[in-house]
Structures are given as C-alpha cells and as structure tokens.
Amino acid sequence: MAVGDNFNPSSAAIRLTHWLDAAEAAGLERFPVAVDKLALDVGQTLKWPDPIVEVRAANLPMFEGGLFHIKERRGWALLYNEQLGSPGRVRFTQAHELGHYLLHRQQQEAFECSEADMVHWGPNQKALESQADEFASNLLMPMKQFRVCMTGHAIDFEMLSEASTKFGVSLTATCLRWILSTEESAVLVLSRDGFIDWSVSSDKARMNGAFIRTRGRVVELPMQSLAAEKTMESCRLGRRVSLNTWFEHAHPDAVAREMKLVCDNYGYTLSLLHLSRGDKVWAPREWGV
C-alpha cells in the first residue's frame, strides 16, 4: 500500500494543510489555497504512480467539475467549469475533485459532479460526494485558522463574508463550515421563491429540536420571517424575531436573531437563525428525546 492510500477526508486535508503551513513559513502566500497547483504536485509528492497530469477549465453546459483517468498518460485530468459564477465556487469545485483523487481514485475511473445530478445518485455515490465535500471544506478552511476568524465576534453575515474573502470560498461554503463546527445553536436555511430548498442545523440546535425537515416535502417560508419579507433585500447583522415564527413549539417569549442575505446571482436567499443555547423547540411529546 502506497503512502496515503488509506486517507479519509480529515487525514488527507490535514496532510496537505501541513504542507501548506510549511510553505507559508517559508514565505509563500497561505490563502486562498492555490488548488490547481496543489493538485498537480500532490501525486508526485506522495510518489503515487498515477498523478494528476492536467488541471484545466472545461466550460460545458450543465458541467461543474470532474476527475477522469487518462490511461495513455498514466494519470488523471481534473476539469472544472470556470463559469460557475464566482472564483470561490470554482475553487471549491477544484478541491472537491482533488478530494476524489486522494480518497476514491481506486474505486472509479471517472467522477462527474453537479448539483443537478445529485437526485440520481444512490447512497454509495452520495457518500463519495459527501466525503469529497468534507475534504474540500477542511482543506480550504482549516479549523485552526477558521476558528481564529470566528473567535471574539457575534456571528453575522458581515463576519462570514469577511471570512469567505480570506479563504477564497463562497459565502454558502463558509456558512456551512461555521454551522457544522460551532457550539452555538444555529440554523442555516437556503430558500427560493418563498420555499425552503434545504436547511442545516448545528449540533446544539439539533439537540434542542431546532431543525427543518425538507427531504421529500414542500416547505414554505414562515410568513412572519424576514426571509419571507419581500420588501427587505438583506439584513446582514440580523433582527430579533419571535422564535415560534420558525418553530411553532418554541416558548412564546423566546426570541432568535434572524439574518437574511439575498443572493441575486444565484437566485436564492440565505437565512441564518441564531438561537439561545437553552431554547428547546421540541413538540410537547418529544421533550427529552
């Protein structure tokens, strides 16, 4: 077994993070991560017989990114669509495909990834895509540096936007990194045209019953929420709202801070709900679950 053949998303990102930290100590720029250069170097550094030999744009309709084995060149090609909308999204796609190379290259000879294809993936493919996302998030926003950015400030979209600029990733990716690592009680919601596409809760929020089930369901935005307020474009710092606006079983006196950001370029709205850590919103029969 070659070095790195037993990588998992975390260990692979940590290995590359150590390399990048060492390069920074030698005077090279640390962030944003130059994923294209890293991808061309990583296979040779690990002394793998099938390195990534090509990284280039392929601006094809409905194509976001892919990793393909090239038998004749004894290596891999990492392709990405540079018209995805923002450099941050392109960088995350590149890192996602690099994750497939480090984690899954012995399982398949081709990976083609897009959000539109997700509905057709089975459980195994979804697991591979989830692992590649986890690797990309860890590589582009290492927890040590990410926590430094987040410490000492109340969370809001201004702060998260500054972090997304530092790390060179999209605001959505930054929000997900925060929500999945924070000890606060918070819920991130992405909605379109008045309906919720998906939501992600922090561990603390889930423990308190603050989550929104969307799989296989049509979920309308709460009428009294900022998210549903058509006359308000954005509210980056947030406004206090009654918690039972979003969670009907919340105590009537409980409040949350709701932040809103309309992303016109992508046609969706991001909402971030910051709850008190002690507020539980389970239905009465679910208390204590």
C-alpha atoms as a PDB file:
ATOM      1  CA  MET A   1       0.000   0.000   0.000  1.00  0.00           C
ATOM      2  CA  ALA A   2       1.386   3.416  -1.005  1.00  0.00           C
ATOM      3  CA  VAL A   3       1.624   6.347   1.377  1.00  0.00           C
ATOM      4  CA  GLY A   4      -1.800   7.965   1.696  1.00  0.00           C
ATOM      5  CA  ASP A   5      -3.804   5.093   0.218  1.00  0.00           C
ATOM      6  CA  ASN A   6      -5.780   4.856   3.465  1.00  0.00           C
ATOM      7  CA  PHE A   7      -6.656   8.543   3.604  1.00  0.00           C
ATOM      8  CA  ASN A   8     -10.011   9.665   4.966  1.00  0.00           C
ATOM      9  CA  PRO A   9     -11.363  13.210   4.321  1.00  0.00           C
ATOM     10  CA  SER A  10      -9.873  14.593   7.522  1.00  0.00           C
ATOM     11  CA  SER A  11      -6.455  12.937   7.353  1.00  0.00           C
ATOM     12  CA  ALA A  12      -5.997  13.841   3.675  1.00  0.00           C
ATOM     13  CA  ALA A  13      -6.800  17.504   4.345  1.00  0.00           C
ATOM     14  CA  ILE A  14      -4.519  17.554   7.398  1.00  0.00           C
ATOM     15  CA  ARG A  15      -1.616  16.120   5.377  1.00  0.00           C
ATOM     16  CA  LEU A  16      -1.959  18.829   2.725  1.00  0.00           C
ATOM     17  CA  THR A  17      -2.557  21.515   5.352  1.00  0.00           C
ATOM     18  CA  HIS A  18       0.800  20.665   6.955  1.00  0.00           C
ATOM     19  CA  TRP A  19       2.493  21.109   3.567  1.00  0.00           C
ATOM     20  CA  LEU A  20       0.802  24.469   3.015  1.00  0.00           C
ATOM     21  CA  ASP A  21       1.609  25.660   6.543  1.00  0.00           C
ATOM     22  CA  ALA A  22       5.260  24.766   5.953  1.00  0.00           C
ATOM     23  CA  ALA A  23       5.226  26.659   2.654  1.00  0.00           C
ATOM     24  CA  GLU A  24       3.771  29.683   4.449  1.00  0.00           C
ATOM     25  CA  ALA A  25       6.591  29.525   6.991  1.00  0.00           C
ATOM     26  CA  ALA A  26       8.976  29.668   4.034  1.00  0.00           C
ATOM     27  CA  GLY A  27       7.343  32.866   2.835  1.00  0.00           C
ATOM     28  CA  LEU A  28       4.663  31.690   0.384  1.00  0.00           C
ATOM     29  CA  GLU A  29       1.126  33.029   0.459  1.00  0.00           C
ATOM     30  CA  ARG A  30      -1.165  30.757   2.504  1.00  0.00           C
ATOM     31  CA  PHE A  31      -4.702  31.797   1.485  1.00  0.00           C
ATOM     32  CA  PRO A  32      -6.636  31.352  -0.695  1.00  0.00           C
ATOM     33  CA  VAL A  33      -5.289  27.862  -1.389  1.00  0.00           C
ATOM     34  CA  ALA A  34      -3.983  27.512  -4.961  1.00  0.00           C
ATOM     35  CA  VAL A  35      -5.794  24.222  -5.564  1.00  0.00           C
ATOM     36  CA  ASP A  36      -4.766  23.902  -9.224  1.00  0.00           C
ATOM     37  CA  LYS A  37      -1.049  23.974  -8.399  1.00  0.00           C
ATOM     38  CA  LEU A  38      -1.519  21.746  -5.368  1.00  0.00           C
ATOM     39  CA  ALA A  39      -3.378  19.160  -7.451  1.00  0.00           C
ATOM     40  CA  LEU A  40      -0.511  18.938  -9.950  1.00  0.00           C
ATOM     41  CA  ASP A  41       2.038  18.479  -7.145  1.00  0.00           C
ATOM     42  CA  VAL A  42       0.286  16.135  -4.756  1.00  0.00           C
ATOM     43  CA  GLY A  43       0.566  12.832  -6.627  1.00  0.00           C
ATOM     44  CA  GLN A  44       4.270  13.290  -7.292  1.00  0.00           C
ATOM     45  CA  THR A  45       4.933  14.339  -3.695  1.00  0.00           C
ATOM     46  CA  LEU A  46       3.182  11.207  -2.437  1.00  0.00           C
ATOM     47  CA  LYS A  47       5.098   9.185  -5.074  1.00  0.00           C
ATOM     48  CA  TRP A  48       1.879   7.745  -6.494  1.00  0.00           C
ATOM     49  CA  PRO A  49       2.188   6.139  -9.959  1.00  0.00           C
ATOM     50  CA  ASP A  50      -0.861   7.953 -11.342  1.00  0.00           C
ATOM     51  CA  PRO A  51      -0.569  11.693 -10.562  1.00  0.00           C
ATOM     52  CA  ILE A  52      -2.911  14.406 -11.746  1.00  0.00           C
ATOM     53  CA  VAL A  53      -1.285  15.488 -15.004  1.00  0.00           C
ATOM     54  CA  GLU A  54      -3.726  18.135 -16.155  1.00  0.00           C
ATOM     55  CA  VAL A  55      -5.900  20.781 -14.492  1.00  0.00           C
ATOM     56  CA  ARG A  56      -7.915  22.925 -16.854  1.00  0.00           C
ATOM     57  CA  ALA A  57     -11.229  24.648 -17.454  1.00  0.00           C
ATOM     58  CA  ALA A  58     -13.977  22.914 -19.434  1.00  0.00           C
ATOM     59  CA  ASN A  59     -16.886  25.302 -19.733  1.00  0.00           C
ATOM     60  CA  LEU A  60     -19.523  22.844 -20.860  1.00  0.00           C
ATOM     61  CA  PRO A  61     -23.270  23.258 -20.294  1.00  0.00           C
ATOM     62  CA  MET A  62     -24.513  21.540 -17.104  1.00  0.00           C
ATOM     63  CA  PHE A  63     -20.942  20.592 -16.189  1.00  0.00           C
ATOM     64  CA  GLU A  64     -19.468  21.734 -12.868  1.00  0.00           C
ATOM     65  CA  GLY A  65     -16.387  19.591 -12.390  1.00  0.00           C
ATOM     66  CA  GLY A  66     -14.905  16.160 -12.893  1.00  0.00           C
ATOM     67  CA  LEU A  67     -11.927  13.883 -12.474  1.00  0.00           C
ATOM     68  CA  PHE A  68     -11.057  11.453 -15.261  1.00  0.00           C
ATOM     69  CA  HIS A  69      -8.382   8.778 -15.592  1.00  0.00           C
ATOM     70  CA  ILE A  70      -6.270   9.094 -18.749  1.00  0.00           C
ATOM     71  CA  LYS A  71      -4.866   5.651 -19.419  1.00  0.00           C
ATOM     72  CA  GLU A  72      -2.460   6.821 -22.135  1.00  0.00           C
ATOM     73  CA  ARG A  73      -0.855   9.373 -19.820  1.00  0.00           C
ATOM     74  CA  ARG A  74      -0.931   7.170 -16.717  1.00  0.00           C
ATOM     75  CA  GLY A  75      -2.568   9.905 -14.755  1.00  0.00           C
ATOM     76  CA  TRP A  76      -5.695  11.955 -14.165  1.00  0.00           C
ATOM     77  CA  ALA A  77      -7.268  15.100 -15.546  1.00  0.00           C
ATOM     78  CA  LEU A  78      -9.071  17.478 -13.215  1.00  0.00           C
ATOM     79  CA  LEU A  79     -11.606  19.585 -15.110  1.00  0.00           C
ATOM     80  CA  TYR A  80     -13.788  22.398 -13.860  1.00  0.00           C
ATOM     81  CA  ASN A  81     -16.237  24.915 -15.229  1.00  0.00           C
ATOM     82  CA  GLU A  82     -14.787  28.387 -14.609  1.00  0.00           C
ATOM     83  CA  GLN A  83     -18.158  29.969 -15.451  1.00  0.00           C
ATOM     84  CA  LEU A  84     -19.815  28.631 -12.312  1.00  0.00           C
ATOM     85  CA  GLY A  85     -20.356  32.136 -11.006  1.00  0.00           C
ATOM     86  CA  SER A  86     -17.583  33.027  -8.577  1.00  0.00           C
ATOM     87  CA  PRO A  87     -13.895  32.215  -8.052  1.00  0.00           C
ATOM     88  CA  GLY A  88     -14.809  30.805  -4.639  1.00  0.00           C
ATOM     89  CA  ARG A  89     -17.222  28.289  -6.091  1.00  0.00           C
ATOM     90  CA  VAL A  90     -14.670  27.294  -8.743  1.00  0.00           C
ATOM     91  CA  ARG A  91     -12.013  26.805  -6.060  1.00  0.00           C
ATOM     92  CA  PHE A  92     -14.338  24.598  -4.004  1.00  0.00           C
ATOM     93  CA  THR A  93     -15.127  22.511  -7.094  1.00  0.00           C
ATOM     94  CA  GLN A  94     -11.407  22.045  -7.771  1.00  0.00           C
ATOM     95  CA  ALA A  95     -10.835  20.996  -4.154  1.00  0.00           C
ATOM     96  CA  HIS A  96     -13.819  18.629  -4.326  1.00  0.00           C
ATOM     97  CA  GLU A  97     -12.314  16.861  -7.362  1.00  0.00           C
ATOM     98  CA  LEU A  98      -8.912  16.755  -5.657  1.00  0.00           C
ATOM     99  CA  GLY A  99     -10.718  15.023  -2.809  1.00  0.00           C
ATOM    100  CA  HIS A 100     -11.968  12.335  -5.200  1.00  0.00           C
ATOM    101  CA  TYR A 101      -8.401  11.820  -6.379  1.00  0.00           C
ATOM    102  CA  LEU A 102      -6.993  11.405  -2.880  1.00  0.00           C
ATOM    103  CA  LEU A 103      -9.866   9.335  -1.488  1.00  0.00           C
ATOM    104  CA  HIS A 104     -11.597   7.445  -4.296  1.00  0.00           C
ATOM    105  CA  ARG A 105      -9.360   7.094  -7.346  1.00  0.00           C
ATOM    106  CA  GLN A 106      -9.085   3.325  -6.839  1.00  0.00           C
ATOM    107  CA  GLN A 107     -12.871   2.921  -6.875  1.00  0.00           C
ATOM    108  CA  GLN A 108     -13.774   4.615 -10.166  1.00  0.00           C
ATOM    109  CA  GLU A 109     -12.074   5.893 -13.288  1.00  0.00           C
ATOM    110  CA  ALA A 110     -14.372   8.881 -13.753  1.00  0.00           C
ATOM    111  CA  PHE A 111     -16.147  11.314 -11.465  1.00  0.00           C
ATOM    112  CA  GLU A 112     -18.515  13.929 -12.842  1.00  0.00           C
ATOM    113  CA  CYS A 113     -20.152  16.140 -10.270  1.00  0.00           C
ATOM    114  CA  SER A 114     -23.011  18.603 -10.376  1.00  0.00           C
ATOM    115  CA  GLU A 115     -25.861  19.557  -8.082  1.00  0.00           C
ATOM    116  CA  ALA A 116     -28.349  18.618 -10.797  1.00  0.00           C
ATOM    117  CA  ASP A 117     -27.059  15.028 -10.799  1.00  0.00           C
ATOM    118  CA  MET A 118     -27.492  14.603  -7.054  1.00  0.00           C
ATOM    119  CA  VAL A 119     -31.114  13.473  -7.338  1.00  0.00           C
ATOM    120  CA  HIS A 120     -29.979  10.489  -9.427  1.00  0.00           C
ATOM    121  CA  TRP A 121     -27.184   9.332  -7.112  1.00  0.00           C
ATOM    122  CA  GLY A 122     -27.587   6.252  -4.976  1.00  0.00           C
ATOM    123  CA  PRO A 123     -26.408   6.043  -1.361  1.00  0.00           C
ATOM    124  CA  ASN A 124     -22.855   4.970  -2.275  1.00  0.00           C
ATOM    125  CA  GLN A 125     -22.308   7.834  -4.716  1.00  0.00           C
ATOM    126  CA  LYS A 126     -23.788  10.324  -2.265  1.00  0.00           C
ATOM    127  CA  ALA A 127     -21.334   9.089   0.351  1.00  0.00           C
ATOM    128  CA  LEU A 128     -18.401   9.654  -2.020  1.00  0.00           C
ATOM    129  CA  GLU A 129     -19.614  13.158  -2.846  1.00  0.00           C
ATOM    130  CA  SER A 130     -20.117  13.975   0.812  1.00  0.00           C
ATOM    131  CA  GLN A 131     -16.565  12.842   1.607  1.00  0.00           C
ATOM    132  CA  ALA A 132     -15.159  14.959  -1.230  1.00  0.00           C
ATOM    133  CA  ASP A 133     -17.064  17.986   0.116  1.00  0.00           C
ATOM    134  CA  GLU A 134     -15.754  17.337   3.626  1.00  0.00           C
ATOM    135  CA  PHE A 135     -12.194  17.157   2.324  1.00  0.00           C
ATOM    136  CA  ALA A 136     -12.621  20.390   0.330  1.00  0.00           C
ATOM    137  CA  SER A 137     -14.016  22.271   3.305  1.00  0.00           C
ATOM    138  CA  ASN A 138     -11.198  21.089   5.585  1.00  0.00           C
ATOM    139  CA  LEU A 139      -8.529  21.919   3.007  1.00  0.00           C
ATOM    140  CA  LEU A 140      -9.764  25.399   2.084  1.00  0.00           C
ATOM    141  CA  MET A 141     -10.798  26.451   5.604  1.00  0.00           C
ATOM    142  CA  PRO A 142      -8.544  24.636   8.096  1.00  0.00           C
ATOM    143  CA  MET A 143     -10.184  24.612  11.509  1.00  0.00           C
ATOM    144  CA  LYS A 144      -7.250  26.236  13.287  1.00  0.00           C
ATOM    145  CA  GLN A 145      -7.288  29.321  11.067  1.00  0.00           C
ATOM    146  CA  PHE A 146     -11.083  29.286  10.712  1.00  0.00           C
ATOM    147  CA  ARG A 147     -11.610  29.480  14.479  1.00  0.00           C
ATOM    148  CA  VAL A 148      -9.237  32.435  14.706  1.00  0.00           C
ATOM    149  CA  CYS A 149     -11.500  34.288  12.254  1.00  0.00           C
ATOM    150  CA  MET A 150     -14.657  33.417  14.166  1.00  0.00           C
ATOM    151  CA  THR A 151     -13.497  33.976  17.734  1.00  0.00           C
ATOM    152  CA  GLY A 152     -14.493  37.079  19.687  1.00  0.00           C
ATOM    153  CA  HIS A 153     -17.265  38.315  17.423  1.00  0.00           C
ATOM    154  CA  ALA A 154     -21.021  37.859  17.319  1.00  0.00           C
ATOM    155  CA  ILE A 155     -21.855  35.829  14.250  1.00  0.00           C
ATOM    156  CA  ASP A 156     -23.458  37.649  11.327  1.00  0.00           C
ATOM    157  CA  PHE A 157     -23.246  37.749   7.545  1.00  0.00           C
ATOM    158  CA  GLU A 158     -20.699  40.592   7.619  1.00  0.00           C
ATOM    159  CA  MET A 159     -18.292  38.485   9.600  1.00  0.00           C
ATOM    160  CA  LEU A 160     -18.918  35.395   7.486  1.00  0.00           C
ATOM    161  CA  SER A 161     -18.397  37.428   4.292  1.00  0.00           C
ATOM    162  CA  GLU A 162     -15.016  38.612   5.560  1.00  0.00           C
ATOM    163  CA  ALA A 163     -14.048  35.003   6.255  1.00  0.00           C
ATOM    164  CA  SER A 164     -15.198  33.869   2.799  1.00  0.00           C
ATOM    165  CA  THR A 165     -12.966  36.546   1.246  1.00  0.00           C
ATOM    166  CA  LYS A 166      -9.954  35.488   3.326  1.00  0.00           C
ATOM    167  CA  PHE A 167     -10.313  31.817   2.415  1.00  0.00           C
ATOM    168  CA  GLY A 168     -11.417  32.444  -1.165  1.00  0.00           C
ATOM    169  CA  VAL A 169     -14.590  30.369  -0.983  1.00  0.00           C
ATOM    170  CA  SER A 170     -18.275  31.131  -1.410  1.00  0.00           C
ATOM    171  CA  LEU A 171     -20.318  32.597   1.419  1.00  0.00           C
ATOM    172  CA  THR A 172     -22.509  29.493   1.443  1.00  0.00           C
ATOM    173  CA  ALA A 173     -19.473  27.225   1.936  1.00  0.00           C
ATOM    174  CA  THR A 174     -18.266  29.487   4.752  1.00  0.00           C
ATOM    175  CA  CYS A 175     -21.653  29.423   6.451  1.00  0.00           C
ATOM    176  CA  LEU A 176     -21.746  25.622   6.259  1.00  0.00           C
ATOM    177  CA  ARG A 177     -18.240  25.407   7.712  1.00  0.00           C
ATOM    178  CA  TRP A 178     -19.343  27.535  10.646  1.00  0.00           C
ATOM    179  CA  ILE A 179     -22.681  25.838  11.265  1.00  0.00           C
ATOM    180  CA  LEU A 180     -21.083  22.360  11.279  1.00  0.00           C
ATOM    181  CA  SER A 181     -18.313  23.369  13.672  1.00  0.00           C
ATOM    182  CA  THR A 182     -19.896  25.812  16.106  1.00  0.00           C
ATOM    183  CA  GLU A 183     -21.028  25.038  19.635  1.00  0.00           C
ATOM    184  CA  GLU A 184     -23.756  27.677  19.263  1.00  0.00           C
ATOM    185  CA  SER A 185     -27.383  26.881  18.474  1.00  0.00           C
ATOM    186  CA  ALA A 186     -27.981  27.987  14.895  1.00  0.00           C
ATOM    187  CA  VAL A 187     -29.811  27.014  11.717  1.00  0.00           C
ATOM    188  CA  LEU A 188     -28.838  27.888   8.135  1.00  0.00           C
ATOM    189  CA  VAL A 189     -31.677  27.967   5.581  1.00  0.00           C
ATOM    190  CA  LEU A 190     -31.486  28.303   1.794  1.00  0.00           C
ATOM    191  CA  SER A 191     -34.750  29.269   0.107  1.00  0.00           C
ATOM    192  CA  ARG A 192     -36.016  30.098  -3.377  1.00  0.00           C
ATOM    193  CA  ASP A 193     -39.241  31.816  -4.361  1.00  0.00           C
ATOM    194  CA  GLY A 194     -40.677  31.533  -0.881  1.00  0.00           C
ATOM    195  CA  PHE A 195     -39.872  27.840  -0.323  1.00  0.00           C
ATOM    196  CA  ILE A 196     -37.071  26.166   1.601  1.00  0.00           C
ATOM    197  CA  ASP A 197     -34.605  24.182  -0.521  1.00  0.00           C
ATOM    198  CA  TRP A 198     -32.575  22.874   2.395  1.00  0.00           C
ATOM    199  CA  SER A 199     -31.511  23.698   5.914  1.00  0.00           C
ATOM    200  CA  VAL A 200     -28.629  22.641   8.150  1.00  0.00           C
ATOM    201  CA  SER A 201     -28.599  22.849  11.933  1.00  0.00           C
ATOM    202  CA  SER A 202     -25.666  22.963  14.309  1.00  0.00           C
ATOM    203  CA  ASP A 203     -25.273  20.048  16.705  1.00  0.00           C
ATOM    204  CA  LYS A 204     -26.625  22.145  19.581  1.00  0.00           C
ATOM    205  CA  ALA A 205     -29.664  23.238  17.576  1.00  0.00           C
ATOM    206  CA  ARG A 206     -30.460  19.646  16.626  1.00  0.00           C
ATOM    207  CA  MET A 207     -30.206  18.599  20.270  1.00  0.00           C
ATOM    208  CA  ASN A 208     -32.783  21.270  21.069  1.00  0.00           C
ATOM    209  CA  GLY A 209     -35.144  20.206  18.284  1.00  0.00           C
ATOM    210  CA  ALA A 210     -34.353  23.186  16.032  1.00  0.00           C
ATOM    211  CA  PHE A 211     -34.213  21.626  12.589  1.00  0.00           C
ATOM    212  CA  ILE A 212     -36.380  21.741   9.479  1.00  0.00           C
ATOM    213  CA  ARG A 213     -37.214  18.562   7.578  1.00  0.00           C
ATOM    214  CA  THR A 214     -37.255  19.238   3.828  1.00  0.00           C
ATOM    215  CA  ARG A 215     -36.494  15.889   2.190  1.00  0.00           C
ATOM    216  CA  GLY A 216     -39.482  14.828   0.107  1.00  0.00           C
ATOM    217  CA  ARG A 217     -41.554  17.742   1.394  1.00  0.00           C
ATOM    218  CA  VAL A 218     -42.618  21.171   0.157  1.00  0.00           C
ATOM    219  CA  VAL A 219     -41.864  23.627   2.958  1.00  0.00           C
ATOM    220  CA  GLU A 220     -42.989  27.228   2.693  1.00  0.00           C
ATOM    221  CA  LEU A 221     -41.101  30.002   4.463  1.00  0.00           C
ATOM    222  CA  PRO A 222     -42.826  31.154   7.670  1.00  0.00           C
ATOM    223  CA  MET A 223     -44.975  34.166   6.794  1.00  0.00           C
ATOM    224  CA  GLN A 224     -43.632  36.380   9.607  1.00  0.00           C
ATOM    225  CA  SER A 225     -39.965  35.610   8.959  1.00  0.00           C
ATOM    226  CA  LEU A 226     -37.509  38.117   7.489  1.00  0.00           C
ATOM    227  CA  ALA A 227     -36.804  35.566   4.792  1.00  0.00           C
ATOM    228  CA  ALA A 228     -40.395  35.856   3.560  1.00  0.00           C
ATOM    229  CA  GLU A 229     -40.427  39.668   3.740  1.00  0.00           C
ATOM    230  CA  LYS A 230     -40.322  40.682   0.073  1.00  0.00           C
ATOM    231  CA  THR A 231     -39.624  44.367   0.732  1.00  0.00           C
ATOM    232  CA  MET A 232     -36.414  43.617   2.635  1.00  0.00           C
ATOM    233  CA  GLU A 233     -33.400  42.819   0.446  1.00  0.00           C
ATOM    234  CA  SER A 234     -30.943  41.857   3.144  1.00  0.00           C
ATOM    235  CA  CYS A 235     -30.363  42.153   6.872  1.00  0.00           C
ATOM    236  CA  ARG A 236     -26.742  41.151   7.351  1.00  0.00           C
ATOM    237  CA  LEU A 237     -26.498  41.901  11.064  1.00  0.00           C
ATOM    238  CA  GLY A 238     -29.857  40.368  11.890  1.00  0.00           C
ATOM    239  CA  ARG A 239     -33.022  41.310  13.741  1.00  0.00           C
ATOM    240  CA  ARG A 240     -34.725  39.768  16.735  1.00  0.00           C
ATOM    241  CA  VAL A 241     -37.737  37.647  15.827  1.00  0.00           C
ATOM    242  CA  SER A 242     -40.022  35.528  17.917  1.00  0.00           C
ATOM    243  CA  LEU A 243     -38.620  32.017  17.901  1.00  0.00           C
ATOM    244  CA  ASN A 244     -42.041  30.484  17.312  1.00  0.00           C
ATOM    245  CA  THR A 245     -42.071  32.268  13.946  1.00  0.00           C
ATOM    246  CA  TRP A 246     -39.836  29.419  12.764  1.00  0.00           C
ATOM    247  CA  PHE A 247     -40.569  26.735  15.357  1.00  0.00           C
ATOM    248  CA  GLU A 248     -44.180  26.560  16.465  1.00  0.00           C
ATOM    249  CA  HIS A 249     -43.460  24.781  19.740  1.00  0.00           C
ATOM    250  CA  ALA A 250     -40.920  27.342  20.987  1.00  0.00           C
ATOM    251  CA  HIS A 251     -41.739  29.205  24.190  1.00  0.00           C
ATOM    252  CA  PRO A 252     -43.794  32.323  23.282  1.00  0.00           C
ATOM    253  CA  ASP A 253     -41.250  34.589  24.996  1.00  0.00           C
ATOM    254  CA  ALA A 254     -38.231  33.080  23.267  1.00  0.00           C
ATOM    255  CA  VAL A 255     -36.521  35.114  20.553  1.00  0.00           C
ATOM    256  CA  ALA A 256     -33.832  34.417  17.966  1.00  0.00           C
ATOM    257  CA  ARG A 257     -31.717  36.650  15.756  1.00  0.00           C
ATOM    258  CA  GLU A 258     -32.570  36.164  12.095  1.00  0.00           C
ATOM    259  CA  MET A 259     -30.116  37.302   9.407  1.00  0.00           C
ATOM    260  CA  LYS A 260     -31.002  37.476   5.745  1.00  0.00           C
ATOM    261  CA  LEU A 261     -28.956  37.765   2.564  1.00  0.00           C
ATOM    262  CA  VAL A 262     -30.475  37.808  -0.915  1.00  0.00           C
ATOM    263  CA  CYS A 263     -28.067  36.255  -3.441  1.00  0.00           C
ATOM    264  CA  ASP A 264     -29.396  37.583  -6.736  1.00  0.00           C
ATOM    265  CA  ASN A 265     -26.636  35.982  -8.819  1.00  0.00           C
ATOM    266  CA  TYR A 266     -27.771  32.522  -7.790  1.00  0.00           C
ATOM    267  CA  GLY A 267     -31.480  33.170  -7.307  1.00  0.00           C
ATOM    268  CA  TYR A 268     -31.688  32.187  -3.659  1.00  0.00           C
ATOM    269  CA  THR A 269     -31.844  33.673  -0.188  1.00  0.00           C
ATOM    270  CA  LEU A 270     -29.697  32.626   2.765  1.00  0.00           C
ATOM    271  CA  SER A 271     -31.113  32.909   6.269  1.00  0.00           C
ATOM    272  CA  LEU A 272     -29.182  32.338   9.459  1.00  0.00           C
ATOM    273  CA  LEU A 273     -31.057  31.837  12.722  1.00  0.00           C
ATOM    274  CA  HIS A 274     -29.042  32.301  15.902  1.00  0.00           C
ATOM    275  CA  LEU A 275     -30.863  30.825  18.901  1.00  0.00           C
ATOM    276  CA  SER A 276     -30.179  30.913  22.597  1.00  0.00           C
ATOM    277  CA  ARG A 277     -28.360  27.726  23.592  1.00  0.00           C
ATOM    278  CA  GLY A 278     -31.022  26.973  26.183  1.00  0.00           C
ATOM    279  CA  ASP A 279     -34.080  27.281  23.945  1.00  0.00           C
ATOM    280  CA  LYS A 280     -35.677  23.920  23.150  1.00  0.00           C
ATOM    281  CA  VAL A 281     -38.352  23.710  20.487  1.00  0.00           C
ATOM    282  CA  TRP A 282     -39.427  20.093  20.541  1.00  0.00           C
ATOM    283  CA  ALA A 283     -43.125  19.334  20.229  1.00  0.00           C
ATOM    284  CA  PRO A 284     -44.506  18.559  23.725  1.00  0.00           C
ATOM    285  CA  ARG A 285     -44.456  14.801  23.227  1.00  0.00           C
ATOM    286  CA  GLU A 286     -40.834  14.986  22.013  1.00  0.00           C
ATOM    287  CA  TRP A 287     -39.387  16.717  25.082  1.00  0.00           C
ATOM    288  CA  GLY A 288     -36.483  14.749  26.464  1.00  0.00           C
ATOM    289  CA  VAL A 289     -35.766  12.928  23.191  1.00  0.00           C
END
